[in-house]
Amino acid sequence: MRGARRSTTRKSRSPLLENSFQKKAVCTKVYTVKPRKPNSAVRKVCKVRLSTGKTTIAYIPGEGHNLQEHSVVLIRGGRTKDLRGIKYKVVRGALDLSGVAGRTQSRSKYGVKMPKKA
């Protein structure tokens, strides 16, 4: 028997994060894309330059946003299945990106504080 068994190395699904959970980035372009079949929508995305100098596209989750060019955002992993080639998402409620207005459920995912009791 020649050679030991090779254990397969697992490939990262978000290589640009370089083993970090999140990375800071600057928006270079904010635009919309259409999803793959069978879905139909206008999804909001932004092209970002990471703090490492690399460029990628990130999805902006939730309804409405205040992003524009030169906004500083936080990027996390997690692909958007119906958008081709988009492997990153923008963190809502962090840095220059505000939380989703009027959101009462799943608030932690969209950067919304606890609503005031009347």
PDB file of N, CA and C in Angstrom:
ATOM      1  N   MET A   1       0.843  -1.192   0.000  1.00  0.00           N
ATOM      2  CA  MET A   1       0.000   0.000   0.000  1.00  0.00           C
ATOM      3  C   MET A   1       0.881   1.246   0.000  1.00  0.00           C
ATOM      4  N   ARG A   2       0.754   2.004  -1.051  1.00  0.00           N
ATOM      5  CA  ARG A   2       1.530   3.234  -1.149  1.00  0.00           C
ATOM      6  C   ARG A   2       0.643   4.438  -0.873  1.00  0.00           C
ATOM      7  N   GLY A   3       1.136   5.376  -0.097  1.00  0.00           N
ATOM      8  CA  GLY A   3       0.413   6.629   0.142  1.00  0.00           C
ATOM      9  C   GLY A   3      -0.762   6.476   1.095  1.00  0.00           C
ATOM     10  N   ALA A   4      -0.893   7.428   1.990  1.00  0.00           N
ATOM     11  CA  ALA A   4      -1.986   7.405   2.962  1.00  0.00           C
ATOM     12  C   ALA A   4      -3.271   7.917   2.318  1.00  0.00           C
ATOM     13  N   ARG A   5      -4.410   7.633   2.966  1.00  0.00           N
ATOM     14  CA  ARG A   5      -5.690   8.129   2.461  1.00  0.00           C
ATOM     15  C   ARG A   5      -5.755   9.643   2.620  1.00  0.00           C
ATOM     16  N   ARG A   6      -6.151  10.297   1.556  1.00  0.00           N
ATOM     17  CA  ARG A   6      -6.261  11.754   1.574  1.00  0.00           C
ATOM     18  C   ARG A   6      -7.607  12.164   2.152  1.00  0.00           C
ATOM     19  N   SER A   7      -7.584  12.987   3.185  1.00  0.00           N
ATOM     20  CA  SER A   7      -8.840  13.517   3.694  1.00  0.00           C
ATOM     21  C   SER A   7      -9.200  14.737   2.852  1.00  0.00           C
ATOM     22  N   THR A   8     -10.448  14.797   2.392  1.00  0.00           N
ATOM     23  CA  THR A   8     -10.848  15.893   1.513  1.00  0.00           C
ATOM     24  C   THR A   8     -10.937  17.193   2.305  1.00  0.00           C
ATOM     25  N   THR A   9     -10.366  18.244   1.751  1.00  0.00           N
ATOM     26  CA  THR A   9     -10.422  19.545   2.414  1.00  0.00           C
ATOM     27  C   THR A   9     -11.710  20.244   2.017  1.00  0.00           C
ATOM     28  N   ARG A  10     -12.408  20.816   2.990  1.00  0.00           N
ATOM     29  CA  ARG A  10     -13.684  21.470   2.741  1.00  0.00           C
ATOM     30  C   ARG A  10     -13.465  22.874   2.198  1.00  0.00           C
ATOM     31  N   LYS A  11     -14.111  23.179   1.078  1.00  0.00           N
ATOM     32  CA  LYS A  11     -13.979  24.484   0.442  1.00  0.00           C
ATOM     33  C   LYS A  11     -14.945  25.471   1.091  1.00  0.00           C
ATOM     34  N   SER A  12     -14.479  26.683   1.367  1.00  0.00           N
ATOM     35  CA  SER A  12     -15.315  27.696   2.008  1.00  0.00           C
ATOM     36  C   SER A  12     -16.403  28.188   1.055  1.00  0.00           C
ATOM     37  N   ARG A  13     -17.607  28.423   1.602  1.00  0.00           N
ATOM     38  CA  ARG A  13     -18.686  28.946   0.763  1.00  0.00           C
ATOM     39  C   ARG A  13     -18.612  30.463   0.656  1.00  0.00           C
ATOM     40  N   SER A  14     -17.838  31.095   1.546  1.00  0.00           N
ATOM     41  CA  SER A  14     -17.652  32.550   1.484  1.00  0.00           C
ATOM     42  C   SER A  14     -16.166  32.869   1.641  1.00  0.00           C
ATOM     43  N   PRO A  15     -15.378  32.624   0.594  1.00  0.00           N
ATOM     44  CA  PRO A  15     -13.926  32.750   0.702  1.00  0.00           C
ATOM     45  C   PRO A  15     -13.422  34.168   0.975  1.00  0.00           C
ATOM     46  N   LEU A  16     -14.153  35.191   0.536  1.00  0.00           N
ATOM     47  CA  LEU A  16     -13.664  36.563   0.703  1.00  0.00           C
ATOM     48  C   LEU A  16     -13.665  37.034   2.155  1.00  0.00           C
ATOM     49  N   LEU A  17     -14.424  36.343   3.028  1.00  0.00           N
ATOM     50  CA  LEU A  17     -14.438  36.733   4.444  1.00  0.00           C
ATOM     51  C   LEU A  17     -13.167  36.285   5.158  1.00  0.00           C
ATOM     52  N   GLU A  18     -12.427  35.373   4.545  1.00  0.00           N
ATOM     53  CA  GLU A  18     -11.152  34.889   5.093  1.00  0.00           C
ATOM     54  C   GLU A  18     -11.274  34.443   6.548  1.00  0.00           C
ATOM     55  N   ASN A  19     -12.205  33.533   6.822  1.00  0.00           N
ATOM     56  CA  ASN A  19     -12.449  32.957   8.153  1.00  0.00           C
ATOM     57  C   ASN A  19     -12.954  33.951   9.200  1.00  0.00           C
ATOM     58  N   SER A  20     -13.328  35.166   8.795  1.00  0.00           N
ATOM     59  CA  SER A  20     -13.972  36.106   9.711  1.00  0.00           C
ATOM     60  C   SER A  20     -15.480  35.872   9.632  1.00  0.00           C
ATOM     61  N   PHE A  21     -16.211  36.324  10.640  1.00  0.00           N
ATOM     62  CA  PHE A  21     -17.665  36.218  10.600  1.00  0.00           C
ATOM     63  C   PHE A  21     -18.242  37.320   9.737  1.00  0.00           C
ATOM     64  N   GLN A  22     -17.638  38.507   9.852  1.00  0.00           N
ATOM     65  CA  GLN A  22     -18.109  39.673   9.108  1.00  0.00           C
ATOM     66  C   GLN A  22     -16.917  40.503   8.664  1.00  0.00           C
ATOM     67  N   LYS A  23     -17.124  41.307   7.624  1.00  0.00           N
ATOM     68  CA  LYS A  23     -16.074  42.213   7.165  1.00  0.00           C
ATOM     69  C   LYS A  23     -16.693  43.561   6.832  1.00  0.00           C
ATOM     70  N   LYS A  24     -15.910  44.618   7.057  1.00  0.00           N
ATOM     71  CA  LYS A  24     -16.361  45.962   6.731  1.00  0.00           C
ATOM     72  C   LYS A  24     -16.122  46.213   5.253  1.00  0.00           C
ATOM     73  N   ALA A  25     -17.044  46.955   4.624  1.00  0.00           N
ATOM     74  CA  ALA A  25     -16.919  47.213   3.189  1.00  0.00           C
ATOM     75  C   ALA A  25     -17.514  48.572   2.844  1.00  0.00           C
ATOM     76  N   VAL A  26     -17.129  49.089   1.675  1.00  0.00           N
ATOM     77  CA  VAL A  26     -17.643  50.366   1.182  1.00  0.00           C
ATOM     78  C   VAL A  26     -18.419  50.107  -0.108  1.00  0.00           C
ATOM     79  N   CYS A  27     -19.638  50.646  -0.197  1.00  0.00           N
ATOM     80  CA  CYS A  27     -20.453  50.465  -1.404  1.00  0.00           C
ATOM     81  C   CYS A  27     -19.848  51.244  -2.561  1.00  0.00           C
ATOM     82  N   THR A  28     -19.751  50.597  -3.716  1.00  0.00           N
ATOM     83  CA  THR A  28     -19.283  51.294  -4.908  1.00  0.00           C
ATOM     84  C   THR A  28     -20.418  51.505  -5.903  1.00  0.00           C
ATOM     85  N   LYS A  29     -21.495  50.706  -5.795  1.00  0.00           N
ATOM     86  CA  LYS A  29     -22.630  50.838  -6.705  1.00  0.00           C
ATOM     87  C   LYS A  29     -23.831  50.141  -6.088  1.00  0.00           C
ATOM     88  N   VAL A  30     -24.986  50.801  -6.093  1.00  0.00           N
ATOM     89  CA  VAL A  30     -26.222  50.204  -5.582  1.00  0.00           C
ATOM     90  C   VAL A  30     -27.186  50.067  -6.758  1.00  0.00           C
ATOM     91  N   TYR A  31     -27.679  48.846  -6.998  1.00  0.00           N
ATOM     92  CA  TYR A  31     -28.550  48.622  -8.150  1.00  0.00           C
ATOM     93  C   TYR A  31     -29.484  47.447  -7.889  1.00  0.00           C
ATOM     94  N   THR A  32     -30.277  47.058  -8.890  1.00  0.00           N
ATOM     95  CA  THR A  32     -31.226  45.958  -8.735  1.00  0.00           C
ATOM     96  C   THR A  32     -30.952  44.875  -9.770  1.00  0.00           C
ATOM     97  N   VAL A  33     -31.315  43.633  -9.424  1.00  0.00           N
ATOM     98  CA  VAL A  33     -31.189  42.514 -10.359  1.00  0.00           C
ATOM     99  C   VAL A  33     -32.470  41.684 -10.319  1.00  0.00           C
ATOM    100  N   LYS A  34     -32.702  40.919 -11.391  1.00  0.00           N
ATOM    101  CA  LYS A  34     -33.866  40.037 -11.439  1.00  0.00           C
ATOM    102  C   LYS A  34     -33.435  38.625 -11.080  1.00  0.00           C
ATOM    103  N   PRO A  35     -34.257  37.889 -10.303  1.00  0.00           N
ATOM    104  CA  PRO A  35     -33.894  36.527  -9.899  1.00  0.00           C
ATOM    105  C   PRO A  35     -34.080  35.511 -11.022  1.00  0.00           C
ATOM    106  N   ARG A  36     -33.561  34.303 -10.765  1.00  0.00           N
ATOM    107  CA  ARG A  36     -33.691  33.201 -11.720  1.00  0.00           C
ATOM    108  C   ARG A  36     -35.135  32.711 -11.768  1.00  0.00           C
ATOM    109  N   LYS A  37     -35.458  31.978 -12.815  1.00  0.00           N
ATOM    110  CA  LYS A  37     -36.766  31.332 -12.893  1.00  0.00           C
ATOM    111  C   LYS A  37     -36.880  30.322 -11.755  1.00  0.00           C
ATOM    112  N   PRO A  38     -38.059  30.100 -11.192  1.00  0.00           N
ATOM    113  CA  PRO A  38     -39.364  30.611 -11.569  1.00  0.00           C
ATOM    114  C   PRO A  38     -39.747  31.887 -10.836  1.00  0.00           C
ATOM    115  N   ASN A  39     -38.828  32.500 -10.085  1.00  0.00           N
ATOM    116  CA  ASN A  39     -39.160  33.682  -9.292  1.00  0.00           C
ATOM    117  C   ASN A  39     -39.145  34.952 -10.134  1.00  0.00           C
ATOM    118  N   SER A  40     -39.877  35.951  -9.635  1.00  0.00           N
ATOM    119  CA  SER A  40     -39.936  37.225 -10.337  1.00  0.00           C
ATOM    120  C   SER A  40     -39.962  38.341  -9.309  1.00  0.00           C
ATOM    121  N   ALA A  41     -39.002  39.264  -9.400  1.00  0.00           N
ATOM    122  CA  ALA A  41     -38.908  40.378  -8.453  1.00  0.00           C
ATOM    123  C   ALA A  41     -37.839  41.344  -8.941  1.00  0.00           C
ATOM    124  N   VAL A  42     -37.623  42.421  -8.178  1.00  0.00           N
ATOM    125  CA  VAL A  42     -36.477  43.294  -8.412  1.00  0.00           C
ATOM    126  C   VAL A  42     -35.708  43.315  -7.105  1.00  0.00           C
ATOM    127  N   ARG A  43     -34.646  42.547  -7.016  1.00  0.00           N
ATOM    128  CA  ARG A  43     -33.875  42.424  -5.775  1.00  0.00           C
ATOM    129  C   ARG A  43     -32.823  43.526  -5.697  1.00  0.00           C
ATOM    130  N   LYS A  44     -32.681  44.094  -4.494  1.00  0.00           N
ATOM    131  CA  LYS A  44     -31.714  45.173  -4.294  1.00  0.00           C
ATOM    132  C   LYS A  44     -30.358  44.587  -3.913  1.00  0.00           C
ATOM    133  N   VAL A  45     -29.323  44.971  -4.635  1.00  0.00           N
ATOM    134  CA  VAL A  45     -27.967  44.504  -4.354  1.00  0.00           C
ATOM    135  C   VAL A  45     -27.008  45.683  -4.420  1.00  0.00           C
ATOM    136  N   CYS A  46     -25.794  45.472  -3.900  1.00  0.00           N
ATOM    137  CA  CYS A  46     -24.777  46.518  -3.999  1.00  0.00           C
ATOM    138  C   CYS A  46     -23.415  45.883  -4.239  1.00  0.00           C
ATOM    139  N   LYS A  47     -22.631  46.576  -5.039  1.00  0.00           N
ATOM    140  CA  LYS A  47     -21.257  46.150  -5.278  1.00  0.00           C
ATOM    141  C   LYS A  47     -20.440  46.793  -4.169  1.00  0.00           C
ATOM    142  N   VAL A  48     -19.606  46.005  -3.488  1.00  0.00           N
ATOM    143  CA  VAL A  48     -18.850  46.537  -2.350  1.00  0.00           C
ATOM    144  C   VAL A  48     -17.364  46.221  -2.479  1.00  0.00           C
ATOM    145  N   ARG A  49     -16.545  47.119  -1.929  1.00  0.00           N
ATOM    146  CA  ARG A  49     -15.111  46.868  -1.838  1.00  0.00           C
ATOM    147  C   ARG A  49     -14.794  46.573  -0.382  1.00  0.00           C
ATOM    148  N   LEU A  50     -14.318  45.363  -0.113  1.00  0.00           N
ATOM    149  CA  LEU A  50     -14.024  44.941   1.256  1.00  0.00           C
ATOM    150  C   LEU A  50     -12.788  45.644   1.795  1.00  0.00           C
ATOM    151  N   SER A  51     -12.609  45.571   3.110  1.00  0.00           N
ATOM    152  CA  SER A  51     -11.443  46.190   3.749  1.00  0.00           C
ATOM    153  C   SER A  51     -10.146  45.538   3.293  1.00  0.00           C
ATOM    154  N   THR A  52     -10.245  44.323   2.725  1.00  0.00           N
ATOM    155  CA  THR A  52      -9.055  43.640   2.209  1.00  0.00           C
ATOM    156  C   THR A  52      -8.690  44.124   0.809  1.00  0.00           C
ATOM    157  N   GLY A  53      -9.573  44.931   0.200  1.00  0.00           N
ATOM    158  CA  GLY A  53      -9.312  45.449  -1.136  1.00  0.00           C
ATOM    159  C   GLY A  53     -10.022  44.688  -2.237  1.00  0.00           C
ATOM    160  N   LYS A  54     -10.652  43.555  -1.892  1.00  0.00           N
ATOM    161  CA  LYS A  54     -11.343  42.760  -2.906  1.00  0.00           C
ATOM    162  C   LYS A  54     -12.771  43.265  -3.109  1.00  0.00           C
ATOM    163  N   THR A  55     -13.323  43.006  -4.284  1.00  0.00           N
ATOM    164  CA  THR A  55     -14.665  43.478  -4.624  1.00  0.00           C
ATOM    165  C   THR A  55     -15.626  42.305  -4.776  1.00  0.00           C
ATOM    166  N   THR A  56     -16.865  42.486  -4.325  1.00  0.00           N
ATOM    167  CA  THR A  56     -17.896  41.462  -4.494  1.00  0.00           C
ATOM    168  C   THR A  56     -19.266  42.124  -4.538  1.00  0.00           C
ATOM    169  N   ILE A  57     -20.300  41.301  -4.743  1.00  0.00           N
ATOM    170  CA  ILE A  57     -21.677  41.793  -4.752  1.00  0.00           C
ATOM    171  C   ILE A  57     -22.382  41.247  -3.518  1.00  0.00           C
ATOM    172  N   ALA A  58     -23.144  42.103  -2.826  1.00  0.00           N
ATOM    173  CA  ALA A  58     -23.864  41.689  -1.621  1.00  0.00           C
ATOM    174  C   ALA A  58     -25.339  42.036  -1.752  1.00  0.00           C
ATOM    175  N   TYR A  59     -26.181  41.162  -1.204  1.00  0.00           N
ATOM    176  CA  TYR A  59     -27.629  41.364  -1.233  1.00  0.00           C
ATOM    177  C   TYR A  59     -28.060  42.231  -0.056  1.00  0.00           C
ATOM    178  N   ILE A  60     -29.026  43.131  -0.288  1.00  0.00           N
ATOM    179  CA  ILE A  60     -29.558  43.979   0.782  1.00  0.00           C
ATOM    180  C   ILE A  60     -30.915  43.410   1.192  1.00  0.00           C
ATOM    181  N   PRO A  61     -31.003  42.727   2.360  1.00  0.00           N
ATOM    182  CA  PRO A  61     -32.271  42.107   2.755  1.00  0.00           C
ATOM    183  C   PRO A  61     -33.277  43.115   3.315  1.00  0.00           C
ATOM    184  N   GLY A  62     -34.547  42.736   3.356  1.00  0.00           N
ATOM    185  CA  GLY A  62     -35.584  43.581   3.941  1.00  0.00           C
ATOM    186  C   GLY A  62     -36.165  44.589   2.960  1.00  0.00           C
ATOM    187  N   GLU A  63     -37.249  45.239   3.382  1.00  0.00           N
ATOM    188  CA  GLU A  63     -37.939  46.202   2.526  1.00  0.00           C
ATOM    189  C   GLU A  63     -37.401  47.603   2.752  1.00  0.00           C
ATOM    190  N   GLY A  64     -36.938  48.244   1.690  1.00  0.00           N
ATOM    191  CA  GLY A  64     -36.421  49.613   1.757  1.00  0.00           C
ATOM    192  C   GLY A  64     -35.042  49.672   2.385  1.00  0.00           C
ATOM    193  N   HIS A  65     -34.211  50.602   1.907  1.00  0.00           N
ATOM    194  CA  HIS A  65     -32.879  50.787   2.487  1.00  0.00           C
ATOM    195  C   HIS A  65     -32.399  52.205   2.221  1.00  0.00           C
ATOM    196  N   ASN A  66     -31.342  52.620   2.922  1.00  0.00           N
ATOM    197  CA  ASN A  66     -30.811  53.972   2.754  1.00  0.00           C
ATOM    198  C   ASN A  66     -29.380  53.947   2.222  1.00  0.00           C
ATOM    199  N   LEU A  67     -29.027  52.890   1.499  1.00  0.00           N
ATOM    200  CA  LEU A  67     -27.657  52.770   0.999  1.00  0.00           C
ATOM    201  C   LEU A  67     -27.451  53.594  -0.252  1.00  0.00           C
ATOM    202  N   GLN A  68     -26.256  54.167  -0.363  1.00  0.00           N
ATOM    203  CA  GLN A  68     -25.832  54.822  -1.587  1.00  0.00           C
ATOM    204  C   GLN A  68     -24.336  54.647  -1.720  1.00  0.00           C
ATOM    205  N   GLU A  69     -23.781  55.168  -2.798  1.00  0.00           N
ATOM    206  CA  GLU A  69     -22.349  55.030  -3.020  1.00  0.00           C
ATOM    207  C   GLU A  69     -21.580  55.621  -1.843  1.00  0.00           C
ATOM    208  N   HIS A  70     -20.475  55.015  -1.470  1.00  0.00           N
ATOM    209  CA  HIS A  70     -19.591  55.412  -0.360  1.00  0.00           C
ATOM    210  C   HIS A  70     -20.162  55.109   1.023  1.00  0.00           C
ATOM    211  N   SER A  71     -21.312  54.432   1.120  1.00  0.00           N
ATOM    212  CA  SER A  71     -21.824  54.010   2.425  1.00  0.00           C
ATOM    213  C   SER A  71     -20.933  52.895   2.959  1.00  0.00           C
ATOM    214  N   VAL A  72     -20.659  52.927   4.269  1.00  0.00           N
ATOM    215  CA  VAL A  72     -19.854  51.880   4.904  1.00  0.00           C
ATOM    216  C   VAL A  72     -20.813  50.841   5.477  1.00  0.00           C
ATOM    217  N   VAL A  73     -20.618  49.577   5.104  1.00  0.00           N
ATOM    218  CA  VAL A  73     -21.527  48.512   5.531  1.00  0.00           C
ATOM    219  C   VAL A  73     -20.752  47.343   6.116  1.00  0.00           C
ATOM    220  N   LEU A  74     -21.489  46.433   6.753  1.00  0.00           N
ATOM    221  CA  LEU A  74     -20.921  45.208   7.297  1.00  0.00           C
ATOM    222  C   LEU A  74     -21.443  44.051   6.455  1.00  0.00           C
ATOM    223  N   ILE A  75     -20.535  43.186   6.002  1.00  0.00           N
ATOM    224  CA  ILE A  75     -20.887  42.075   5.120  1.00  0.00           C
ATOM    225  C   ILE A  75     -20.798  40.771   5.898  1.00  0.00           C
ATOM    226  N   ARG A  76     -21.791  39.895   5.710  1.00  0.00           N
ATOM    227  CA  ARG A  76     -21.745  38.560   6.295  1.00  0.00           C
ATOM    228  C   ARG A  76     -21.919  37.537   5.188  1.00  0.00           C
ATOM    229  N   GLY A  77     -21.648  36.278   5.499  1.00  0.00           N
ATOM    230  CA  GLY A  77     -21.818  35.211   4.523  1.00  0.00           C
ATOM    231  C   GLY A  77     -23.282  34.846   4.370  1.00  0.00           C
ATOM    232  N   GLY A  78     -23.575  33.973   3.436  1.00  0.00           N
ATOM    233  CA  GLY A  78     -24.938  33.504   3.221  1.00  0.00           C
ATOM    234  C   GLY A  78     -25.431  33.901   1.855  1.00  0.00           C
ATOM    235  N   ARG A  79     -25.594  32.907   0.972  1.00  0.00           N
ATOM    236  CA  ARG A  79     -25.973  33.251  -0.390  1.00  0.00           C
ATOM    237  C   ARG A  79     -27.464  33.479  -0.526  1.00  0.00           C
ATOM    238  N   THR A  80     -27.833  34.155  -1.606  1.00  0.00           N
ATOM    239  CA  THR A  80     -29.228  34.350  -1.955  1.00  0.00           C
ATOM    240  C   THR A  80     -29.503  33.388  -3.100  1.00  0.00           C
ATOM    241  N   LYS A  81     -30.288  32.354  -2.822  1.00  0.00           N
ATOM    242  CA  LYS A  81     -30.397  31.216  -3.740  1.00  0.00           C
ATOM    243  C   LYS A  81     -30.896  31.579  -5.136  1.00  0.00           C
ATOM    244  N   ASP A  82     -31.813  32.544  -5.244  1.00  0.00           N
ATOM    245  CA  ASP A  82     -32.343  32.832  -6.579  1.00  0.00           C
ATOM    246  C   ASP A  82     -31.614  33.958  -7.321  1.00  0.00           C
ATOM    247  N   LEU A  83     -30.501  34.431  -6.759  1.00  0.00           N
ATOM    248  CA  LEU A  83     -29.680  35.420  -7.466  1.00  0.00           C
ATOM    249  C   LEU A  83     -28.339  34.793  -7.798  1.00  0.00           C
ATOM    250  N   ARG A  84     -27.994  34.780  -9.061  1.00  0.00           N
ATOM    251  CA  ARG A  84     -26.755  34.135  -9.483  1.00  0.00           C
ATOM    252  C   ARG A  84     -25.529  34.864  -8.956  1.00  0.00           C
ATOM    253  N   GLY A  85     -24.591  34.104  -8.395  1.00  0.00           N
ATOM    254  CA  GLY A  85     -23.284  34.638  -8.018  1.00  0.00           C
ATOM    255  C   GLY A  85     -23.249  35.540  -6.806  1.00  0.00           C
ATOM    256  N   ILE A  86     -24.343  35.631  -6.046  1.00  0.00           N
ATOM    257  CA  ILE A  86     -24.346  36.495  -4.860  1.00  0.00           C
ATOM    258  C   ILE A  86     -24.220  35.620  -3.621  1.00  0.00           C
ATOM    259  N   LYS A  87     -23.057  35.710  -2.949  1.00  0.00           N
ATOM    260  CA  LYS A  87     -22.751  34.824  -1.824  1.00  0.00           C
ATOM    261  C   LYS A  87     -22.694  35.557  -0.487  1.00  0.00           C
ATOM    262  N   TYR A  88     -22.993  36.858  -0.493  1.00  0.00           N
ATOM    263  CA  TYR A  88     -22.853  37.657   0.723  1.00  0.00           C
ATOM    264  C   TYR A  88     -24.093  38.506   0.941  1.00  0.00           C
ATOM    265  N   LYS A  89     -24.334  38.853   2.213  1.00  0.00           N
ATOM    266  CA  LYS A  89     -25.454  39.715   2.552  1.00  0.00           C
ATOM    267  C   LYS A  89     -24.949  40.880   3.385  1.00  0.00           C
ATOM    268  N   VAL A  90     -25.677  41.989   3.339  1.00  0.00           N
ATOM    269  CA  VAL A  90     -25.348  43.167   4.129  1.00  0.00           C
ATOM    270  C   VAL A  90     -26.074  43.038   5.466  1.00  0.00           C
ATOM    271  N   VAL A  91     -25.416  43.410   6.565  1.00  0.00           N
ATOM    272  CA  VAL A  91     -26.021  43.326   7.898  1.00  0.00           C
ATOM    273  C   VAL A  91     -26.857  44.579   8.141  1.00  0.00           C
ATOM    274  N   ARG A  92     -28.172  44.399   8.372  1.00  0.00           N
ATOM    275  CA  ARG A  92     -29.061  45.538   8.617  1.00  0.00           C
ATOM    276  C   ARG A  92     -28.834  46.090  10.023  1.00  0.00           C
ATOM    277  N   GLY A  93     -28.938  47.412  10.166  1.00  0.00           N
ATOM    278  CA  GLY A  93     -28.804  48.064  11.459  1.00  0.00           C
ATOM    279  C   GLY A  93     -27.378  48.237  11.930  1.00  0.00           C
ATOM    280  N   ALA A  94     -26.384  47.955  11.062  1.00  0.00           N
ATOM    281  CA  ALA A  94     -24.977  48.111  11.433  1.00  0.00           C
ATOM    282  C   ALA A  94     -24.329  49.171  10.544  1.00  0.00           C
ATOM    283  N   LEU A  95     -23.468  50.006  11.148  1.00  0.00           N
ATOM    284  CA  LEU A  95     -22.753  51.068  10.433  1.00  0.00           C
ATOM    285  C   LEU A  95     -23.729  51.997   9.698  1.00  0.00           C
ATOM    286  N   ASP A  96     -23.559  52.215   8.397  1.00  0.00           N
ATOM    287  CA  ASP A  96     -24.388  53.202   7.689  1.00  0.00           C
ATOM    288  C   ASP A  96     -25.772  52.698   7.277  1.00  0.00           C
ATOM    289  N   LEU A  97     -26.006  51.392   7.347  1.00  0.00           N
ATOM    290  CA  LEU A  97     -27.292  50.837   6.902  1.00  0.00           C
ATOM    291  C   LEU A  97     -28.278  50.762   8.063  1.00  0.00           C
ATOM    292  N   SER A  98     -29.450  51.401   7.883  1.00  0.00           N
ATOM    293  CA  SER A  98     -30.452  51.406   8.949  1.00  0.00           C
ATOM    294  C   SER A  98     -31.229  50.093   8.972  1.00  0.00           C
ATOM    295  N   GLY A  99     -31.965  49.873  10.065  1.00  0.00           N
ATOM    296  CA  GLY A  99     -32.821  48.698  10.160  1.00  0.00           C
ATOM    297  C   GLY A  99     -34.065  48.883   9.303  1.00  0.00           C
ATOM    298  N   VAL A 100     -34.877  47.834   9.199  1.00  0.00           N
ATOM    299  CA  VAL A 100     -36.094  47.904   8.388  1.00  0.00           C
ATOM    300  C   VAL A 100     -37.177  48.631   9.173  1.00  0.00           C
ATOM    301  N   ALA A 101     -37.764  49.682   8.582  1.00  0.00           N
ATOM    302  CA  ALA A 101     -38.786  50.476   9.258  1.00  0.00           C
ATOM    303  C   ALA A 101     -40.084  49.692   9.382  1.00  0.00           C
ATOM    304  N   GLY A 102     -40.707  49.774  10.563  1.00  0.00           N
ATOM    305  CA  GLY A 102     -42.013  49.155  10.770  1.00  0.00           C
ATOM    306  C   GLY A 102     -42.002  47.650  10.929  1.00  0.00           C
ATOM    307  N   ARG A 103     -40.849  47.079  11.169  1.00  0.00           N
ATOM    308  CA  ARG A 103     -40.733  45.623  11.311  1.00  0.00           C
ATOM    309  C   ARG A 103     -41.033  45.230  12.761  1.00  0.00           C
ATOM    310  N   THR A 104     -41.910  44.229  12.973  1.00  0.00           N
ATOM    311  CA  THR A 104     -42.220  43.808  14.343  1.00  0.00           C
ATOM    312  C   THR A 104     -41.864  42.349  14.603  1.00  0.00           C
ATOM    313  N   GLN A 105     -41.724  41.539  13.538  1.00  0.00           N
ATOM    314  CA  GLN A 105     -41.337  40.147  13.707  1.00  0.00           C
ATOM    315  C   GLN A 105     -39.960  39.906  13.089  1.00  0.00           C
ATOM    316  N   SER A 106     -39.241  38.923  13.607  1.00  0.00           N
ATOM    317  CA  SER A 106     -37.866  38.612  13.167  1.00  0.00           C
ATOM    318  C   SER A 106     -36.999  39.867  13.196  1.00  0.00           C
ATOM    319  N   ARG A 107     -37.153  40.671  14.261  1.00  0.00           N
ATOM    320  CA  ARG A 107     -36.486  41.970  14.316  1.00  0.00           C
ATOM    321  C   ARG A 107     -34.976  41.877  14.360  1.00  0.00           C
ATOM    322  N   SER A 108     -34.434  40.866  15.053  1.00  0.00           N
ATOM    323  CA  SER A 108     -32.984  40.782  15.206  1.00  0.00           C
ATOM    324  C   SER A 108     -32.279  40.572  13.873  1.00  0.00           C
ATOM    325  N   LYS A 109     -32.965  39.936  12.918  1.00  0.00           N
ATOM    326  CA  LYS A 109     -32.360  39.707  11.608  1.00  0.00           C
ATOM    327  C   LYS A 109     -32.321  40.971  10.768  1.00  0.00           C
ATOM    328  N   TYR A 110     -33.144  41.959  11.122  1.00  0.00           N
ATOM    329  CA  TYR A 110     -33.252  43.165  10.311  1.00  0.00           C
ATOM    330  C   TYR A 110     -32.858  44.425  11.069  1.00  0.00           C
ATOM    331  N   GLY A 111     -32.169  44.282  12.198  1.00  0.00           N
ATOM    332  CA  GLY A 111     -31.620  45.426  12.932  1.00  0.00           C
ATOM    333  C   GLY A 111     -32.647  46.387  13.477  1.00  0.00           C
ATOM    334  N   VAL A 112     -33.756  45.859  14.029  1.00  0.00           N
ATOM    335  CA  VAL A 112     -34.818  46.719  14.550  1.00  0.00           C
ATOM    336  C   VAL A 112     -34.870  46.600  16.064  1.00  0.00           C
ATOM    337  N   LYS A 113     -34.932  47.754  16.750  1.00  0.00           N
ATOM    338  CA  LYS A 113     -35.016  47.772  18.202  1.00  0.00           C
ATOM    339  C   LYS A 113     -36.421  47.376  18.653  1.00  0.00           C
ATOM    340  N   MET A 114     -36.546  47.038  19.940  1.00  0.00           N
ATOM    341  CA  MET A 114     -37.835  46.658  20.528  1.00  0.00           C
ATOM    342  C   MET A 114     -38.803  47.842  20.425  1.00  0.00           C
ATOM    343  N   PRO A 115     -40.033  47.624  19.942  1.00  0.00           N
ATOM    344  CA  PRO A 115     -40.973  48.751  19.842  1.00  0.00           C
ATOM    345  C   PRO A 115     -41.414  49.233  21.220  1.00  0.00           C
ATOM    346  N   LYS A 116     -41.653  50.544  21.332  1.00  0.00           N
ATOM    347  CA  LYS A 116     -42.082  51.131  22.604  1.00  0.00           C
ATOM    348  C   LYS A 116     -43.514  50.712  22.908  1.00  0.00           C
ATOM    349  N   LYS A 117     -43.781  50.391  24.188  1.00  0.00           N
ATOM    350  CA  LYS A 117     -45.134  50.004  24.581  1.00  0.00           C
ATOM    351  C   LYS A 117     -45.983  51.260  24.755  1.00  0.00           C
ATOM    352  N   ALA A 118     -47.211  51.217  24.263  1.00  0.00           N
ATOM    353  CA  ALA A 118     -48.095  52.387  24.307  1.00  0.00           C
ATOM    354  C   ALA A 118     -48.672  52.609  25.693  1.00  0.00           C
TER     355      ALA A 118
END
